Amino acid sequence: MEFTFYADLLGIGSAYNLGPRTAYEKLDAFYNETFQTLDAFCDDPQNSVEMFSDSLIIKGDDSFSALVDIALVFSNLLRKGLLLRG
């Protein structure tokens, strides 16, 4: 079953209000953790991950197996104090 999943990082606007460095650190952690977590997921040519700004789009052909990877992204980011809305 094909799927498209969209999520965005919560609170990035507030982070910019605290300062550009704070926002940069949050975005850097978001990108690094997401890339590391979804690296194996992207080995399948049917899957794709796109990131821009504070947004994440995941596409693939097996929504059931992708749930594990998506849940792992959420939990790994949560451990770093970052929340995704998706």
N, C-alpha and C. Protein backbone atom coordinates (compact mmCIF):
# COMPACT_ATOMS: atom_id res chain seq x y z
N MET A 1 0.85 -1.18 0.00
CA MET A 1 0.00 0.00 0.00
C MET A 1 0.89 1.24 0.00
N GLU A 2 0.76 2.08 -1.01
CA GLU A 2 1.55 3.30 -1.10
C GLU A 2 1.09 4.32 -0.06
N PHE A 3 2.04 5.12 0.39
CA PHE A 3 1.71 6.12 1.40
C PHE A 3 2.59 7.35 1.24
N THR A 4 2.10 8.45 1.80
CA THR A 4 2.87 9.68 1.96
C THR A 4 2.64 10.15 3.38
N PHE A 5 3.73 10.40 4.09
CA PHE A 5 3.66 10.86 5.47
C PHE A 5 4.31 12.24 5.54
N TYR A 6 3.65 13.18 6.21
CA TYR A 6 4.17 14.53 6.37
C TYR A 6 4.24 14.86 7.85
N ALA A 7 5.31 15.50 8.27
CA ALA A 7 5.44 15.97 9.65
C ALA A 7 6.26 17.25 9.65
N ASP A 8 6.05 18.05 10.68
CA ASP A 8 6.90 19.23 10.85
C ASP A 8 7.30 19.34 12.31
N LEU A 9 8.42 20.00 12.51
CA LEU A 9 9.00 20.17 13.84
C LEU A 9 8.25 21.27 14.59
N LEU A 10 7.76 20.94 15.76
CA LEU A 10 7.02 21.92 16.56
C LEU A 10 7.98 22.88 17.27
N GLY A 11 7.58 24.12 17.36
CA GLY A 11 8.30 25.10 18.16
C GLY A 11 9.49 25.77 17.51
N ILE A 12 9.68 25.56 16.22
CA ILE A 12 10.85 26.17 15.59
C ILE A 12 10.71 27.69 15.51
N GLY A 13 9.49 28.18 15.34
CA GLY A 13 9.28 29.63 15.34
C GLY A 13 9.65 30.24 16.68
N SER A 14 9.28 29.58 17.75
CA SER A 14 9.64 30.05 19.10
C SER A 14 11.14 29.98 19.31
N ALA A 15 11.77 28.96 18.73
CA ALA A 15 13.23 28.84 18.85
C ALA A 15 13.92 30.02 18.18
N TYR A 16 13.40 30.46 17.02
CA TYR A 16 13.97 31.63 16.36
C TYR A 16 13.79 32.88 17.22
N ASN A 17 12.69 32.97 17.97
CA ASN A 17 12.50 34.11 18.86
C ASN A 17 13.54 34.12 19.98
N LEU A 18 14.00 32.93 20.38
CA LEU A 18 15.03 32.85 21.41
C LEU A 18 16.42 33.18 20.85
N GLY A 19 16.56 33.02 19.55
CA GLY A 19 17.83 33.36 18.91
C GLY A 19 18.13 32.40 17.78
N PRO A 20 18.85 32.89 16.77
CA PRO A 20 19.17 32.06 15.62
C PRO A 20 19.97 30.81 15.99
N ARG A 21 20.85 30.94 16.96
CA ARG A 21 21.67 29.78 17.39
C ARG A 21 20.79 28.67 17.95
N THR A 22 19.79 29.03 18.74
CA THR A 22 18.88 28.04 19.31
C THR A 22 18.12 27.32 18.20
N ALA A 23 17.62 28.06 17.25
CA ALA A 23 16.89 27.46 16.12
C ALA A 23 17.82 26.57 15.31
N TYR A 24 19.03 27.03 15.05
CA TYR A 24 20.00 26.23 14.30
C TYR A 24 20.26 24.90 15.00
N GLU A 25 20.46 24.94 16.31
CA GLU A 25 20.75 23.71 17.06
C GLU A 25 19.59 22.73 16.98
N LYS A 26 18.36 23.23 17.07
CA LYS A 26 17.19 22.36 16.97
C LYS A 26 17.07 21.76 15.57
N LEU A 27 17.24 22.58 14.55
CA LEU A 27 17.16 22.09 13.17
C LEU A 27 18.29 21.10 12.87
N ASP A 28 19.48 21.38 13.38
CA ASP A 28 20.61 20.48 13.18
C ASP A 28 20.34 19.12 13.82
N ALA A 29 19.83 19.12 15.03
CA ALA A 29 19.50 17.86 15.71
C ALA A 29 18.39 17.12 14.95
N PHE A 30 17.40 17.85 14.46
CA PHE A 30 16.29 17.28 13.70
C PHE A 30 16.81 16.59 12.44
N TYR A 31 17.63 17.29 11.67
CA TYR A 31 18.16 16.72 10.43
C TYR A 31 19.07 15.52 10.71
N ASN A 32 20.00 15.67 11.63
CA ASN A 32 20.94 14.58 11.92
C ASN A 32 20.23 13.33 12.39
N GLU A 33 19.33 13.47 13.33
CA GLU A 33 18.62 12.31 13.87
C GLU A 33 17.75 11.65 12.81
N THR A 34 17.08 12.44 12.01
CA THR A 34 16.21 11.89 10.97
C THR A 34 17.04 11.16 9.91
N PHE A 35 18.14 11.76 9.48
CA PHE A 35 19.00 11.10 8.49
C PHE A 35 19.54 9.78 9.03
N GLN A 36 20.00 9.77 10.26
CA GLN A 36 20.56 8.55 10.85
C GLN A 36 19.50 7.47 11.02
N THR A 37 18.33 7.86 11.48
CA THR A 37 17.27 6.90 11.75
C THR A 37 16.72 6.30 10.47
N LEU A 38 16.60 7.09 9.42
CA LEU A 38 15.97 6.62 8.19
C LEU A 38 16.96 6.17 7.12
N ASP A 39 18.23 6.06 7.47
CA ASP A 39 19.25 5.68 6.50
C ASP A 39 18.92 4.33 5.84
N ALA A 40 18.63 3.32 6.63
CA ALA A 40 18.32 1.99 6.08
C ALA A 40 17.00 1.99 5.31
N PHE A 41 16.04 2.80 5.76
CA PHE A 41 14.75 2.91 5.09
C PHE A 41 14.95 3.37 3.65
N CYS A 42 15.91 4.24 3.43
CA CYS A 42 16.15 4.80 2.10
C CYS A 42 16.91 3.85 1.18
N ASP A 43 17.39 2.72 1.71
CA ASP A 43 18.06 1.74 0.87
C ASP A 43 17.11 1.12 -0.15
N ASP A 44 15.83 1.10 0.18
CA ASP A 44 14.82 0.57 -0.74
C ASP A 44 14.49 1.67 -1.76
N PRO A 45 14.68 1.42 -3.04
CA PRO A 45 14.42 2.46 -4.05
C PRO A 45 12.96 2.89 -4.14
N GLN A 46 12.05 2.12 -3.54
CA GLN A 46 10.63 2.49 -3.53
C GLN A 46 10.33 3.54 -2.47
N ASN A 47 11.28 3.77 -1.57
CA ASN A 47 11.08 4.72 -0.47
C ASN A 47 11.84 6.01 -0.76
N SER A 48 11.31 7.12 -0.26
CA SER A 48 12.03 8.39 -0.34
C SER A 48 11.75 9.23 0.89
N VAL A 49 12.74 10.01 1.26
CA VAL A 49 12.64 10.93 2.38
C VAL A 49 13.08 12.29 1.87
N GLU A 50 12.23 13.28 2.08
CA GLU A 50 12.56 14.65 1.70
C GLU A 50 12.43 15.53 2.92
N MET A 51 13.40 16.41 3.10
CA MET A 51 13.38 17.34 4.22
C MET A 51 13.63 18.74 3.68
N PHE A 52 12.87 19.68 4.19
CA PHE A 52 13.10 21.08 3.87
C PHE A 52 12.61 21.89 5.05
N SER A 53 13.39 22.91 5.37
CA SER A 53 13.09 23.74 6.52
C SER A 53 12.88 22.86 7.74
N ASP A 54 11.69 22.91 8.34
CA ASP A 54 11.41 22.07 9.51
C ASP A 54 10.40 20.98 9.17
N SER A 55 10.35 20.59 7.90
CA SER A 55 9.36 19.62 7.43
C SER A 55 10.01 18.33 6.95
N LEU A 56 9.25 17.26 7.06
CA LEU A 56 9.69 15.92 6.68
C LEU A 56 8.59 15.26 5.87
N ILE A 57 8.95 14.74 4.70
CA ILE A 57 8.00 13.99 3.87
C ILE A 57 8.61 12.62 3.60
N ILE A 58 7.87 11.58 3.93
CA ILE A 58 8.32 10.21 3.71
C ILE A 58 7.32 9.55 2.77
N LYS A 59 7.84 8.92 1.72
CA LYS A 59 6.99 8.22 0.76
C LYS A 59 7.50 6.80 0.60
N GLY A 60 6.57 5.89 0.35
CA GLY A 60 6.98 4.52 0.14
C GLY A 60 5.84 3.68 -0.35
N ASP A 61 6.13 2.40 -0.50
CA ASP A 61 5.10 1.49 -1.01
C ASP A 61 4.59 0.51 0.04
N ASP A 62 5.13 0.55 1.26
CA ASP A 62 4.69 -0.37 2.31
C ASP A 62 4.46 0.40 3.61
N SER A 63 3.25 0.88 3.79
CA SER A 63 2.94 1.72 4.94
C SER A 63 3.07 0.98 6.26
N PHE A 64 2.81 -0.32 6.25
CA PHE A 64 2.87 -1.08 7.50
C PHE A 64 4.29 -1.21 8.03
N SER A 65 5.23 -1.53 7.17
CA SER A 65 6.62 -1.65 7.64
C SER A 65 7.22 -0.27 7.92
N ALA A 66 6.76 0.76 7.23
CA ALA A 66 7.27 2.12 7.46
C ALA A 66 6.86 2.66 8.83
N LEU A 67 5.77 2.16 9.38
CA LEU A 67 5.33 2.63 10.68
C LEU A 67 6.41 2.47 11.75
N VAL A 68 7.15 1.39 11.67
CA VAL A 68 8.22 1.16 12.64
C VAL A 68 9.28 2.25 12.51
N ASP A 69 9.68 2.56 11.29
CA ASP A 69 10.70 3.59 11.08
C ASP A 69 10.20 4.97 11.48
N ILE A 70 8.96 5.26 11.15
CA ILE A 70 8.38 6.56 11.50
C ILE A 70 8.27 6.70 13.02
N ALA A 71 7.83 5.64 13.69
CA ALA A 71 7.74 5.68 15.15
C ALA A 71 9.12 5.86 15.78
N LEU A 72 10.13 5.25 15.18
CA LEU A 72 11.49 5.39 15.68
C LEU A 72 11.99 6.83 15.54
N VAL A 73 11.66 7.47 14.43
CA VAL A 73 12.02 8.89 14.26
C VAL A 73 11.37 9.72 15.37
N PHE A 74 10.07 9.51 15.58
CA PHE A 74 9.37 10.25 16.63
C PHE A 74 10.02 10.04 17.99
N SER A 75 10.29 8.78 18.36
CA SER A 75 10.82 8.50 19.69
C SER A 75 12.25 9.01 19.85
N ASN A 76 13.08 8.88 18.82
CA ASN A 76 14.45 9.39 18.91
C ASN A 76 14.47 10.91 19.06
N LEU A 77 13.60 11.59 18.33
CA LEU A 77 13.53 13.05 18.45
C LEU A 77 12.98 13.46 19.81
N LEU A 78 12.01 12.72 20.29
CA LEU A 78 11.43 13.03 21.60
C LEU A 78 12.49 12.94 22.69
N ARG A 79 13.38 11.96 22.60
CA ARG A 79 14.46 11.84 23.57
C ARG A 79 15.36 13.08 23.57
N LYS A 80 15.40 13.77 22.44
CA LYS A 80 16.22 14.99 22.32
C LYS A 80 15.40 16.24 22.63
N GLY A 81 14.15 16.05 23.06
CA GLY A 81 13.30 17.19 23.39
C GLY A 81 12.68 17.85 22.19
N LEU A 82 12.64 17.14 21.06
CA LEU A 82 12.05 17.67 19.82
C LEU A 82 10.76 16.93 19.51
N LEU A 83 9.73 17.69 19.16
CA LEU A 83 8.43 17.09 18.88
C LEU A 83 8.06 17.30 17.42
N LEU A 84 7.56 16.23 16.81
CA LEU A 84 7.05 16.30 15.45
C LEU A 84 5.53 16.29 15.48
N ARG A 85 4.97 17.03 14.56
CA ARG A 85 3.51 17.00 14.36
C ARG A 85 3.32 16.38 12.97
N GLY A 86 2.58 15.30 12.92
CA GLY A 86 2.40 14.64 11.64
C GLY A 86 1.19 13.73 11.64
